[in-house]
Structure formats: structure tokens, C-alpha cells
Amino acid sequence: MADYAATRARVEDYFDRTATRTWERLTSDAPVSGIRQTVREGRDRMRAIMLGQLPEDLAGKRVLDAGCGAGQMTAELAMRGADVVAIDISPELVKIAERRLSDNLAPRVTFTSGDMLSESLGAFDYVMAMDSMIYYEADDLGRALAGLCPRVEGSVVFTVAPRTTLLMAMWGVGKLFPRSDRSPTMVPHKPRHLARKTSLHGASGSISEVERVSRGFYISTCLEYAR
């Protein structure tokens, strides 16, 4: 998984070197610019859609928040009674998430930083991956989902950038810049293509599109993978 590892390293460097303070503010109640407000609203809507794919009562269920960021999804999963493993590639974001979590929910959450695909994390009833898989090529995502499959009893709910004309144009322009000068770039996908890649890597499940969110500068599609 050389390509996956290289992308993961760029994402880690970007968030710990450049974006931590931005994400801390974006995921708080602090005032932000009009552009960032649309991103905040879009993310809030997407998080609600993803949570809507899970039971309201998660007591006794083990859930992986893969790419927990500043911990908003983590807190809501814990409030539903889940035992949550919250992992992010950025140790600094994990610190923010841990600091924000209320004391009464803390016993239900295990925070860690590193690779969200690590087998050492164990097995889960559900996996939530909000905007943490958006930087990877289809083959890497297919391999990731196929690798998670044997360790997930229920479903994997995740987001990707949809393959729209606008996003494809932005993606093409971004690739013109030297890699060292770029922030991590979202890779647009079509669900059917991802499903084929997942199958090629040995997974037996299916991918279904749940809903797309388009709010100003935030655009993302919620997908669900289930065996």
C-alpha cells in the first residue's frame, strides 16, 4: 500500500503543520468567515446523515470513529451509548477532541492517533469515516474497505468527494502544481467504480449511496458499505 502510505503521510503533515488551528475553530462555535460557515453547515448536515444510518441505541456496540478530528462525531456516538475508538492521523486534533469530551462520556471513549486501518484496533460493530477517506485513490479505498470487511459486523459509513464536473476541474488544476506546494487534494469518485475496486480486492459486500450534501464550499457524498 505504498500509495496509501504516501498520501497518509502528506495528510498527517498538512494537519499537524498547517490546519490544526483552522479545524479547531471551524468545529467550535466561534465566528468564522462566510466561506467557512458553509463548510461548517455542510459538515453538520453530513454528520447527521451518517449518524442516521446507525441505531439510536448503540449500548454495547463498539464503533470506530476513523478520522475523528476534533471529536464531534465521537461525542454523539458516545451519547448513544457506544464504546468508541476515536482515531485520527493528527495527534494534535486528537488532543483537541479529548479535551472537548465531557467527563461523563470519557469512560466510553478510547482516543488514539495513527493509521485508521490498523488491525491492532480490533473488531467493530460499525465504522464511521467522515471526510477521512476523501484524499485516497479508488484502488486504495477498495483495498481499505476489503481489509476492514472481516472486522466489521455491521456497516462502514463513509464519505467521498462526488465525481462532478466542477470537482473534476478543480482536481485537474490542483495536479498542475508541484506536489510539495499542494495541500492534500480530494479525489472524486463514483460509487460504482469504488464498488468494483472493493470487489477486486476480495470483499463480498456492497456499496450504496445514501445522500449528497452540497452547501457552498462543502460538497461530499455519504456512502455505506455492508456485507
Protein backbone atom coordinates (compact mmCIF):
# COMPACT_ATOMS: atom_id res chain seq x y z
CA MET A 1 0.00 0.00 0.00
CA ALA A 2 2.75 2.41 -0.97
CA ASP A 3 0.37 4.99 -2.47
CA TYR A 4 -1.87 4.87 0.59
CA ALA A 5 1.09 5.34 2.92
CA ALA A 6 2.43 8.27 0.90
CA THR A 7 -0.95 10.03 0.89
CA ARG A 8 -1.41 9.36 4.59
CA ALA A 9 1.96 10.97 5.31
CA ARG A 10 1.01 14.10 3.34
CA VAL A 11 -2.31 14.36 5.16
CA GLU A 12 -0.62 13.96 8.55
CA ASP A 13 1.94 16.64 7.74
CA TYR A 14 -0.76 19.01 6.45
CA PHE A 15 -2.98 18.79 9.52
CA ASP A 16 -0.24 18.95 12.15
CA ARG A 17 1.80 21.60 10.32
CA THR A 18 -0.89 23.83 8.82
CA ALA A 19 -4.52 23.09 9.54
CA THR A 20 -4.95 22.21 13.22
CA ARG A 21 -5.91 25.69 14.41
CA THR A 22 -8.24 26.16 11.43
CA TRP A 23 -10.08 22.93 12.19
CA GLU A 24 -10.25 23.72 15.89
CA ARG A 25 -12.05 26.97 15.10
CA LEU A 26 -14.22 25.50 12.34
CA THR A 27 -15.54 22.78 14.66
CA SER A 28 -16.30 25.18 17.50
CA ASP A 29 -18.97 27.86 17.97
CA ALA A 30 -16.51 30.65 17.19
CA PRO A 31 -17.39 33.10 14.38
CA VAL A 32 -15.89 32.17 11.01
CA SER A 33 -15.89 33.65 7.51
CA GLY A 34 -18.84 33.16 5.19
CA ILE A 35 -16.99 30.52 3.20
CA ARG A 36 -16.04 28.53 6.30
CA GLN A 37 -19.57 28.88 7.63
CA THR A 38 -20.86 26.96 4.60
CA VAL A 39 -18.28 24.25 5.30
CA ARG A 40 -19.37 24.11 8.95
CA GLU A 41 -23.03 23.82 7.97
CA GLY A 42 -22.29 21.21 5.33
CA ARG A 43 -20.30 19.11 7.78
CA ASP A 44 -23.03 19.37 10.41
CA ARG A 45 -25.59 18.12 7.88
CA MET A 46 -23.33 15.29 6.73
CA ARG A 47 -22.63 14.16 10.28
CA ALA A 48 -26.39 13.98 10.92
CA ILE A 49 -26.90 11.91 7.76
CA MET A 50 -24.17 9.47 8.73
CA LEU A 51 -25.47 9.08 12.27
CA GLY A 52 -28.89 8.42 10.77
CA GLN A 53 -27.56 5.17 9.32
CA LEU A 54 -26.89 3.78 12.80
CA PRO A 55 -29.34 2.70 15.51
CA GLU A 56 -30.30 5.34 18.05
CA ASP A 57 -29.35 2.95 20.84
CA LEU A 58 -25.72 1.86 20.49
CA ALA A 59 -25.32 0.47 24.00
CA GLY A 60 -22.91 -2.45 23.93
CA LYS A 61 -21.77 -1.67 20.38
CA ARG A 62 -18.13 -0.99 19.52
CA VAL A 63 -17.74 1.80 16.97
CA LEU A 64 -14.64 3.10 15.21
CA ASP A 65 -14.60 6.84 14.52
CA ALA A 66 -12.00 6.70 11.77
CA GLY A 67 -10.62 10.19 11.38
CA CYS A 68 -12.26 11.63 14.49
CA GLY A 69 -10.84 15.12 14.00
CA ALA A 70 -11.95 17.43 16.80
CA GLY A 71 -14.37 14.84 18.15
CA GLN A 72 -17.90 15.92 17.22
CA MET A 73 -18.89 12.52 15.84
CA THR A 74 -17.14 10.81 18.74
CA ALA A 75 -19.23 12.66 21.32
CA GLU A 76 -22.52 11.88 19.58
CA LEU A 77 -21.67 8.18 19.29
CA ALA A 78 -20.78 8.06 22.98
CA MET A 79 -24.04 9.81 23.89
CA ARG A 80 -25.88 6.96 22.14
CA GLY A 81 -24.11 4.52 24.43
CA ALA A 82 -21.40 3.22 22.08
CA ASP A 83 -17.94 2.16 23.14
CA VAL A 84 -15.95 4.36 20.76
CA VAL A 85 -12.41 4.05 19.48
CA ALA A 86 -11.61 7.54 18.17
CA ILE A 87 -8.54 7.70 15.97
CA ASP A 88 -7.06 10.44 13.84
CA ILE A 89 -3.88 10.79 11.86
CA SER A 90 -3.21 14.09 13.66
CA PRO A 91 -2.17 13.77 17.31
CA GLU A 92 -2.95 17.47 17.78
CA LEU A 93 -6.56 17.05 16.66
CA VAL A 94 -6.93 14.04 18.95
CA LYS A 95 -5.80 16.21 21.86
CA ILE A 96 -8.50 18.76 20.99
CA ALA A 97 -11.15 16.02 20.77
CA GLU A 98 -10.09 14.55 24.11
CA ARG A 99 -10.12 17.96 25.78
CA ARG A 100 -13.60 18.76 24.49
CA LEU A 101 -15.25 15.48 25.51
CA SER A 102 -17.40 15.83 28.63
CA ASP A 103 -16.30 13.93 31.70
CA ASN A 104 -19.42 11.77 31.79
CA LEU A 105 -18.71 10.43 28.28
CA ALA A 106 -14.97 9.91 28.74
CA PRO A 107 -15.25 6.31 30.07
CA ARG A 108 -16.86 5.26 26.78
CA VAL A 109 -14.12 6.61 24.50
CA THR A 110 -10.59 5.45 23.75
CA PHE A 111 -8.55 8.08 21.92
CA THR A 112 -5.51 7.28 19.82
CA SER A 113 -3.61 8.62 16.84
CA GLY A 114 -2.23 6.75 13.85
CA ASP A 115 -3.49 4.66 10.96
CA MET A 116 -7.27 4.24 10.97
CA LEU A 117 -6.88 0.92 9.09
CA SER A 118 -4.58 -0.70 11.66
CA GLU A 119 -5.65 -4.25 12.50
CA SER A 120 -4.43 -3.65 16.05
CA LEU A 121 -7.59 -1.60 16.66
CA GLY A 122 -9.61 -4.81 16.64
CA ALA A 123 -13.16 -5.61 15.51
CA PHE A 124 -16.18 -3.31 15.44
CA ASP A 125 -19.93 -3.29 15.02
CA TYR A 126 -19.77 -0.10 12.93
CA VAL A 127 -17.17 2.16 11.36
CA MET A 128 -17.74 5.88 10.72
CA ALA A 129 -15.30 7.69 8.44
CA MET A 130 -16.38 11.26 7.79
CA ASP A 131 -14.16 13.06 5.28
CA SER A 132 -11.16 10.92 6.25
CA MET A 133 -11.09 8.83 3.06
CA ILE A 134 -11.50 11.72 0.63
CA TYR A 135 -7.80 12.01 -0.26
CA TYR A 136 -7.24 8.45 -1.50
CA GLU A 137 -7.37 6.86 -4.94
CA ALA A 138 -10.06 4.29 -5.78
CA ASP A 139 -7.68 1.33 -5.58
CA ASP A 140 -6.51 2.35 -2.09
CA LEU A 141 -10.11 2.81 -0.93
CA GLY A 142 -11.13 -0.53 -2.37
CA ARG A 143 -8.27 -2.24 -0.57
CA ALA A 144 -9.08 -0.37 2.67
CA LEU A 145 -12.74 -1.41 2.62
CA ALA A 146 -11.84 -5.00 1.76
CA GLY A 147 -9.42 -5.03 4.68
CA LEU A 148 -11.99 -3.65 7.11
CA CYS A 149 -14.73 -6.05 6.00
CA PRO A 150 -13.72 -9.07 8.12
CA ARG A 151 -13.50 -6.87 11.23
CA VAL A 152 -16.91 -5.13 10.96
CA GLU A 153 -20.12 -6.86 11.96
CA GLY A 154 -22.42 -4.12 10.67
CA SER A 155 -21.57 -1.42 8.15
CA VAL A 156 -18.93 1.13 7.21
CA VAL A 157 -20.43 4.59 6.70
CA PHE A 158 -18.04 6.95 4.94
CA THR A 159 -17.82 9.95 2.66
CA VAL A 160 -16.15 10.64 -0.67
CA ALA A 161 -15.96 13.61 -2.99
CA PRO A 162 -18.51 13.09 -5.77
CA ARG A 163 -17.28 12.99 -9.34
CA THR A 164 -18.88 16.21 -10.58
CA THR A 165 -17.75 18.45 -13.43
CA LEU A 166 -16.71 21.23 -11.04
CA LEU A 167 -14.73 18.99 -8.71
CA MET A 168 -13.03 17.23 -11.60
CA ALA A 169 -11.94 20.63 -12.99
CA MET A 170 -10.60 21.70 -9.57
CA TRP A 171 -8.83 18.36 -9.18
CA GLY A 172 -7.20 18.72 -12.60
CA VAL A 173 -5.96 22.24 -11.85
CA GLY A 174 -4.60 21.16 -8.46
CA LYS A 175 -2.50 18.44 -10.05
CA LEU A 176 -0.65 21.06 -12.11
CA PHE A 177 1.13 22.33 -9.00
CA PRO A 178 4.28 20.66 -7.68
CA ARG A 179 3.35 18.09 -5.05
CA SER A 180 5.44 19.85 -2.42
CA ASP A 181 3.33 23.01 -2.87
CA ARG A 182 -0.06 21.32 -2.54
CA SER A 183 -2.30 20.63 0.39
CA PRO A 184 -3.85 17.15 0.20
CA THR A 185 -6.33 17.09 -2.68
CA MET A 186 -9.72 15.41 -2.61
CA VAL A 187 -10.02 12.60 -5.17
CA PRO A 188 -13.50 12.46 -6.77
CA HIS A 189 -15.15 9.04 -7.04
CA LYS A 190 -18.17 7.29 -8.48
CA PRO A 191 -19.76 4.73 -6.13
CA ARG A 192 -19.96 2.06 -8.84
CA HIS A 193 -16.25 2.36 -9.57
CA LEU A 194 -15.42 2.10 -5.86
CA ALA A 195 -17.65 -0.97 -5.59
CA ARG A 196 -15.73 -2.66 -8.41
CA LYS A 197 -12.39 -1.87 -6.79
CA THR A 198 -13.59 -3.20 -3.45
CA SER A 199 -14.75 -6.42 -5.09
CA LEU A 200 -11.44 -6.82 -6.92
CA HIS A 201 -9.67 -6.77 -3.55
CA GLY A 202 -11.78 -9.65 -2.29
CA ALA A 203 -14.67 -8.01 -0.43
CA SER A 204 -18.10 -9.56 -0.72
CA GLY A 205 -20.19 -6.59 0.39
CA SER A 206 -21.97 -3.85 -1.50
CA ILE A 207 -21.71 -0.06 -1.60
CA SER A 208 -24.84 2.10 -1.67
CA GLU A 209 -25.16 5.87 -1.96
CA VAL A 210 -27.00 7.42 0.98
CA GLU A 211 -27.11 11.16 0.28
CA ARG A 212 -25.06 14.01 -1.14
CA VAL A 213 -24.53 17.29 0.70
CA SER A 214 -23.72 20.44 -1.24
CA ARG A 215 -23.52 23.57 0.87
CA GLY A 216 -21.40 26.39 -0.53
CA PHE A 217 -17.79 25.24 -0.42
CA TYR A 218 -18.67 21.88 1.12
CA ILE A 219 -19.63 19.01 -1.18
CA SER A 220 -19.49 15.37 -0.17
CA THR A 221 -21.40 12.12 -0.67
CA CYS A 222 -22.27 9.67 2.08
CA LEU A 223 -21.82 6.01 1.13
CA GLU A 224 -22.49 2.83 3.10
CA TYR A 225 -20.61 -0.42 2.71
CA ALA A 226 -22.21 -3.52 4.14
CA ARG A 227 -21.57 -7.23 3.82
